[in-house]
Amino acid sequence: MPAYFGKHGRGLDLSRHDMRIFAEIVDASALTVDAILARAAAMRAAGADVIDLGCLPDTPFPHLEDAVRELKAAGLRRQRRLGRDRRIAPRRQGGRRRSC
């Protein structure tokens, strides 16, 4: 973290810990699938282990399933929200997720 802010930090050995770094594409619903893949690849290259596709409630995201399929095909892990919060539960119309 210090390096991110242009500071020097002491080296930490995190190898004893089982951890994953999550990164969120907060505006995924506004991006094309190709743009989502490019951003996810950049996040992966920067150290992210899991990619979360974020969007606002009731925001159309008709290409969500396509984006998830392409992320999987590219070998990227993605966050799976289980819908405990009704605002992010899937809303389906005709078998496809239409909004967050």
N, C-alpha and C. Protein backbone atom coordinates (compact mmCIF):
# COMPACT_ATOMS: atom_id res chain seq x y z
N MET A 1 0.81 -1.18 0.00
CA MET A 1 0.00 0.00 0.00
C MET A 1 0.87 1.26 0.00
N PRO A 2 1.93 1.31 0.81
CA PRO A 2 2.75 2.52 0.79
C PRO A 2 3.27 2.86 -0.60
N ALA A 3 3.68 1.86 -1.36
CA ALA A 3 4.22 2.11 -2.70
C ALA A 3 3.17 2.76 -3.59
N TYR A 4 1.93 2.40 -3.42
CA TYR A 4 0.84 2.99 -4.19
C TYR A 4 0.79 4.50 -3.97
N PHE A 5 1.10 4.93 -2.77
CA PHE A 5 1.07 6.35 -2.43
C PHE A 5 2.44 7.01 -2.54
N GLY A 6 3.39 6.31 -3.20
CA GLY A 6 4.71 6.89 -3.42
C GLY A 6 5.60 6.88 -2.19
N LYS A 7 5.31 6.04 -1.23
CA LYS A 7 6.09 5.96 0.01
C LYS A 7 6.85 4.63 0.04
N HIS A 8 7.82 4.57 0.93
CA HIS A 8 8.55 3.32 1.13
C HIS A 8 7.96 2.62 2.34
N GLY A 9 7.74 1.35 2.22
CA GLY A 9 7.22 0.58 3.34
C GLY A 9 8.15 -0.58 3.62
N ARG A 10 7.95 -1.20 4.73
CA ARG A 10 8.77 -2.36 5.05
C ARG A 10 8.19 -3.58 4.34
N GLY A 11 9.05 -4.47 3.96
CA GLY A 11 8.61 -5.68 3.28
C GLY A 11 7.83 -6.59 4.22
N LEU A 12 6.75 -7.12 3.73
CA LEU A 12 5.92 -8.02 4.53
C LEU A 12 5.90 -9.39 3.88
N ASP A 13 6.00 -10.41 4.69
CA ASP A 13 5.89 -11.78 4.20
C ASP A 13 4.47 -12.24 4.47
N LEU A 14 3.66 -12.28 3.42
CA LEU A 14 2.26 -12.70 3.56
C LEU A 14 2.07 -14.16 3.15
N SER A 15 3.16 -14.87 2.91
CA SER A 15 3.05 -16.24 2.42
C SER A 15 2.43 -17.18 3.44
N ARG A 16 2.42 -16.80 4.69
CA ARG A 16 1.82 -17.65 5.73
C ARG A 16 0.30 -17.54 5.75
N HIS A 17 -0.23 -16.59 5.04
CA HIS A 17 -1.66 -16.31 5.09
C HIS A 17 -2.34 -16.75 3.79
N ASP A 18 -3.53 -17.29 3.93
CA ASP A 18 -4.34 -17.64 2.77
C ASP A 18 -5.24 -16.45 2.48
N MET A 19 -4.91 -15.70 1.46
CA MET A 19 -5.69 -14.49 1.18
C MET A 19 -5.90 -14.34 -0.33
N ARG A 20 -6.93 -13.59 -0.65
CA ARG A 20 -7.22 -13.27 -2.04
C ARG A 20 -7.44 -11.76 -2.14
N ILE A 21 -7.00 -11.20 -3.25
CA ILE A 21 -7.19 -9.78 -3.48
C ILE A 21 -8.37 -9.62 -4.43
N PHE A 22 -9.36 -8.85 -3.99
CA PHE A 22 -10.56 -8.61 -4.79
C PHE A 22 -10.45 -7.24 -5.46
N ALA A 23 -10.91 -7.17 -6.70
CA ALA A 23 -10.97 -5.91 -7.42
C ALA A 23 -12.37 -5.78 -8.01
N GLU A 24 -12.91 -4.59 -8.00
CA GLU A 24 -14.27 -4.38 -8.51
C GLU A 24 -14.25 -3.44 -9.71
N ILE A 25 -14.93 -3.86 -10.75
CA ILE A 25 -15.20 -2.99 -11.89
C ILE A 25 -16.55 -2.35 -11.57
N VAL A 26 -16.51 -1.15 -11.01
CA VAL A 26 -17.72 -0.54 -10.45
C VAL A 26 -18.74 -0.14 -11.51
N ASP A 27 -18.29 0.14 -12.71
CA ASP A 27 -19.20 0.60 -13.76
C ASP A 27 -19.35 -0.45 -14.86
N ALA A 28 -19.31 -1.72 -14.49
CA ALA A 28 -19.33 -2.79 -15.48
C ALA A 28 -20.55 -2.73 -16.39
N SER A 29 -21.69 -2.33 -15.86
CA SER A 29 -22.90 -2.31 -16.69
C SER A 29 -22.81 -1.27 -17.80
N ALA A 30 -21.94 -0.28 -17.65
CA ALA A 30 -21.79 0.77 -18.66
C ALA A 30 -20.70 0.45 -19.69
N LEU A 31 -20.00 -0.67 -19.49
CA LEU A 31 -18.90 -1.05 -20.38
C LEU A 31 -19.31 -2.17 -21.31
N THR A 32 -18.62 -2.27 -22.43
CA THR A 32 -18.82 -3.41 -23.32
C THR A 32 -18.12 -4.63 -22.70
N VAL A 33 -18.44 -5.80 -23.21
CA VAL A 33 -17.79 -7.01 -22.73
C VAL A 33 -16.29 -6.93 -22.97
N ASP A 34 -15.87 -6.45 -24.13
CA ASP A 34 -14.44 -6.31 -24.41
C ASP A 34 -13.76 -5.36 -23.43
N ALA A 35 -14.42 -4.26 -23.08
CA ALA A 35 -13.86 -3.31 -22.13
C ALA A 35 -13.77 -3.92 -20.73
N ILE A 36 -14.78 -4.71 -20.36
CA ILE A 36 -14.75 -5.41 -19.07
C ILE A 36 -13.57 -6.38 -19.03
N LEU A 37 -13.38 -7.13 -20.11
CA LEU A 37 -12.27 -8.08 -20.17
C LEU A 37 -10.92 -7.37 -20.08
N ALA A 38 -10.79 -6.25 -20.77
CA ALA A 38 -9.53 -5.50 -20.74
C ALA A 38 -9.25 -4.97 -19.34
N ARG A 39 -10.28 -4.43 -18.70
CA ARG A 39 -10.08 -3.90 -17.35
C ARG A 39 -9.78 -5.03 -16.36
N ALA A 40 -10.46 -6.15 -16.51
CA ALA A 40 -10.22 -7.30 -15.63
C ALA A 40 -8.80 -7.83 -15.82
N ALA A 41 -8.32 -7.89 -17.06
CA ALA A 41 -6.96 -8.35 -17.32
C ALA A 41 -5.93 -7.42 -16.69
N ALA A 42 -6.18 -6.11 -16.76
CA ALA A 42 -5.27 -5.15 -16.13
C ALA A 42 -5.28 -5.30 -14.61
N MET A 43 -6.45 -5.53 -14.04
CA MET A 43 -6.55 -5.74 -12.60
C MET A 43 -5.84 -7.02 -12.19
N ARG A 44 -5.99 -8.04 -12.99
CA ARG A 44 -5.30 -9.32 -12.72
C ARG A 44 -3.78 -9.11 -12.77
N ALA A 45 -3.31 -8.38 -13.77
CA ALA A 45 -1.88 -8.11 -13.90
C ALA A 45 -1.35 -7.30 -12.72
N ALA A 46 -2.22 -6.49 -12.11
CA ALA A 46 -1.84 -5.68 -10.96
C ALA A 46 -1.94 -6.45 -9.64
N GLY A 47 -2.39 -7.71 -9.72
CA GLY A 47 -2.41 -8.54 -8.52
C GLY A 47 -3.75 -9.03 -8.04
N ALA A 48 -4.83 -8.65 -8.70
CA ALA A 48 -6.16 -9.10 -8.25
C ALA A 48 -6.34 -10.59 -8.51
N ASP A 49 -6.94 -11.27 -7.55
CA ASP A 49 -7.25 -12.69 -7.68
C ASP A 49 -8.69 -12.91 -8.14
N VAL A 50 -9.58 -12.03 -7.70
CA VAL A 50 -11.01 -12.16 -7.98
C VAL A 50 -11.52 -10.83 -8.51
N ILE A 51 -12.33 -10.89 -9.56
CA ILE A 51 -12.91 -9.69 -10.17
C ILE A 51 -14.40 -9.64 -9.84
N ASP A 52 -14.85 -8.53 -9.30
CA ASP A 52 -16.26 -8.31 -8.99
C ASP A 52 -16.83 -7.36 -10.03
N LEU A 53 -17.94 -7.74 -10.62
CA LEU A 53 -18.63 -6.87 -11.58
C LEU A 53 -19.67 -6.08 -10.81
N GLY A 54 -19.47 -4.78 -10.70
CA GLY A 54 -20.36 -3.95 -9.92
C GLY A 54 -21.30 -3.14 -10.80
N CYS A 55 -22.44 -2.82 -10.24
CA CYS A 55 -23.40 -1.94 -10.91
C CYS A 55 -24.37 -1.41 -9.87
N LEU A 56 -25.14 -0.43 -10.24
CA LEU A 56 -26.12 0.16 -9.35
C LEU A 56 -27.43 -0.61 -9.42
N PRO A 57 -28.20 -0.63 -8.33
CA PRO A 57 -29.51 -1.30 -8.36
C PRO A 57 -30.38 -0.74 -9.48
N ASP A 58 -31.14 -1.62 -10.10
CA ASP A 58 -32.08 -1.26 -11.17
C ASP A 58 -31.39 -0.64 -12.38
N THR A 59 -30.11 -0.91 -12.55
CA THR A 59 -29.37 -0.44 -13.71
C THR A 59 -29.34 -1.55 -14.75
N PRO A 60 -29.78 -1.30 -15.95
CA PRO A 60 -29.75 -2.37 -16.97
C PRO A 60 -28.34 -2.92 -17.18
N PHE A 61 -28.25 -4.23 -17.25
CA PHE A 61 -26.97 -4.90 -17.48
C PHE A 61 -27.27 -6.14 -18.33
N PRO A 62 -27.79 -5.92 -19.54
CA PRO A 62 -28.24 -7.05 -20.37
C PRO A 62 -27.11 -7.97 -20.81
N HIS A 63 -25.87 -7.53 -20.73
CA HIS A 63 -24.74 -8.34 -21.17
C HIS A 63 -23.98 -8.96 -19.99
N LEU A 64 -24.61 -9.03 -18.82
CA LEU A 64 -23.97 -9.60 -17.64
C LEU A 64 -23.55 -11.05 -17.87
N GLU A 65 -24.47 -11.87 -18.34
CA GLU A 65 -24.16 -13.29 -18.55
C GLU A 65 -23.04 -13.45 -19.57
N ASP A 66 -23.05 -12.64 -20.62
CA ASP A 66 -21.97 -12.70 -21.61
C ASP A 66 -20.64 -12.31 -20.97
N ALA A 67 -20.65 -11.29 -20.14
CA ALA A 67 -19.41 -10.84 -19.48
C ALA A 67 -18.86 -11.92 -18.56
N VAL A 68 -19.73 -12.54 -17.78
CA VAL A 68 -19.30 -13.61 -16.87
C VAL A 68 -18.75 -14.79 -17.65
N ARG A 69 -19.43 -15.15 -18.71
CA ARG A 69 -18.97 -16.27 -19.56
C ARG A 69 -17.58 -15.98 -20.13
N GLU A 70 -17.35 -14.76 -20.60
CA GLU A 70 -16.05 -14.39 -21.17
C GLU A 70 -14.96 -14.31 -20.11
N LEU A 71 -15.31 -13.83 -18.91
CA LEU A 71 -14.34 -13.81 -17.82
C LEU A 71 -13.91 -15.23 -17.46
N LYS A 72 -14.88 -16.13 -17.40
CA LYS A 72 -14.56 -17.53 -17.12
C LYS A 72 -13.69 -18.12 -18.22
N ALA A 73 -14.02 -17.84 -19.46
CA ALA A 73 -13.25 -18.36 -20.60
C ALA A 73 -11.82 -17.85 -20.57
N ALA A 74 -11.62 -16.64 -20.06
CA ALA A 74 -10.29 -16.06 -19.97
C ALA A 74 -9.53 -16.54 -18.73
N GLY A 75 -10.17 -17.39 -17.94
CA GLY A 75 -9.52 -17.94 -16.75
C GLY A 75 -9.52 -17.02 -15.56
N LEU A 76 -10.38 -16.01 -15.58
CA LEU A 76 -10.46 -15.06 -14.46
C LEU A 76 -11.55 -15.48 -13.49
N ARG A 77 -11.24 -15.44 -12.22
CA ARG A 77 -12.25 -15.73 -11.20
C ARG A 77 -13.08 -14.48 -11.00
N ARG A 78 -14.35 -14.66 -10.73
CA ARG A 78 -15.19 -13.50 -10.50
C ARG A 78 -15.99 -13.71 -9.23
N GLN A 79 -16.37 -12.60 -8.64
CA GLN A 79 -17.15 -12.62 -7.42
C GLN A 79 -18.57 -13.03 -7.76
N ARG A 80 -19.12 -13.90 -6.97
CA ARG A 80 -20.51 -14.31 -7.16
C ARG A 80 -21.31 -13.83 -5.97
N ARG A 81 -22.20 -12.89 -6.20
CA ARG A 81 -23.07 -12.39 -5.13
C ARG A 81 -24.28 -13.30 -5.06
N LEU A 82 -24.64 -13.68 -3.86
CA LEU A 82 -25.71 -14.66 -3.69
C LEU A 82 -27.07 -14.03 -3.47
N GLY A 83 -27.16 -12.74 -3.46
CA GLY A 83 -28.46 -12.08 -3.37
C GLY A 83 -29.02 -12.00 -1.97
N ARG A 84 -28.18 -11.97 -0.95
CA ARG A 84 -28.69 -11.80 0.41
C ARG A 84 -29.34 -10.44 0.58
N ASP A 85 -28.84 -9.47 -0.14
CA ASP A 85 -29.41 -8.12 -0.14
C ASP A 85 -30.33 -8.04 -1.35
N ARG A 86 -31.59 -7.78 -1.15
CA ARG A 86 -32.55 -7.78 -2.25
C ARG A 86 -32.19 -6.79 -3.35
N ARG A 87 -31.45 -5.74 -3.02
CA ARG A 87 -31.08 -4.75 -4.03
C ARG A 87 -30.15 -5.33 -5.08
N ILE A 88 -29.41 -6.40 -4.74
CA ILE A 88 -28.49 -6.96 -5.71
C ILE A 88 -28.92 -8.35 -6.17
N ALA A 89 -30.11 -8.77 -5.74
CA ALA A 89 -30.61 -10.07 -6.19
C ALA A 89 -30.93 -10.01 -7.68
N PRO A 90 -30.70 -11.11 -8.39
CA PRO A 90 -30.97 -11.10 -9.83
C PRO A 90 -32.45 -10.86 -10.13
N ARG A 91 -32.70 -10.05 -11.11
CA ARG A 91 -34.06 -9.85 -11.61
C ARG A 91 -34.06 -10.40 -13.02
N ARG A 92 -34.87 -11.39 -13.25
CA ARG A 92 -34.84 -12.06 -14.55
C ARG A 92 -36.08 -11.73 -15.36
N GLN A 93 -35.84 -11.66 -16.64
CA GLN A 93 -36.93 -11.41 -17.59
C GLN A 93 -36.58 -12.23 -18.83
N GLY A 94 -37.40 -13.20 -19.12
CA GLY A 94 -37.12 -14.04 -20.29
C GLY A 94 -35.85 -14.87 -20.13
N GLY A 95 -35.50 -15.23 -18.88
CA GLY A 95 -34.35 -16.09 -18.65
C GLY A 95 -33.03 -15.37 -18.62
N ARG A 96 -32.99 -14.06 -18.83
CA ARG A 96 -31.73 -13.30 -18.81
C ARG A 96 -31.79 -12.24 -17.73
N ARG A 97 -30.68 -12.04 -17.08
CA ARG A 97 -30.61 -10.98 -16.07
C ARG A 97 -30.66 -9.65 -16.80
N ARG A 98 -31.57 -8.79 -16.40
CA ARG A 98 -31.77 -7.52 -17.08
C ARG A 98 -31.24 -6.32 -16.31
N SER A 99 -31.10 -6.44 -14.99
CA SER A 99 -30.61 -5.31 -14.20
C SER A 99 -30.05 -5.84 -12.89
N CYS A 100 -29.36 -4.97 -12.18
CA CYS A 100 -28.78 -5.37 -10.89
C CYS A 100 -29.77 -5.11 -9.78
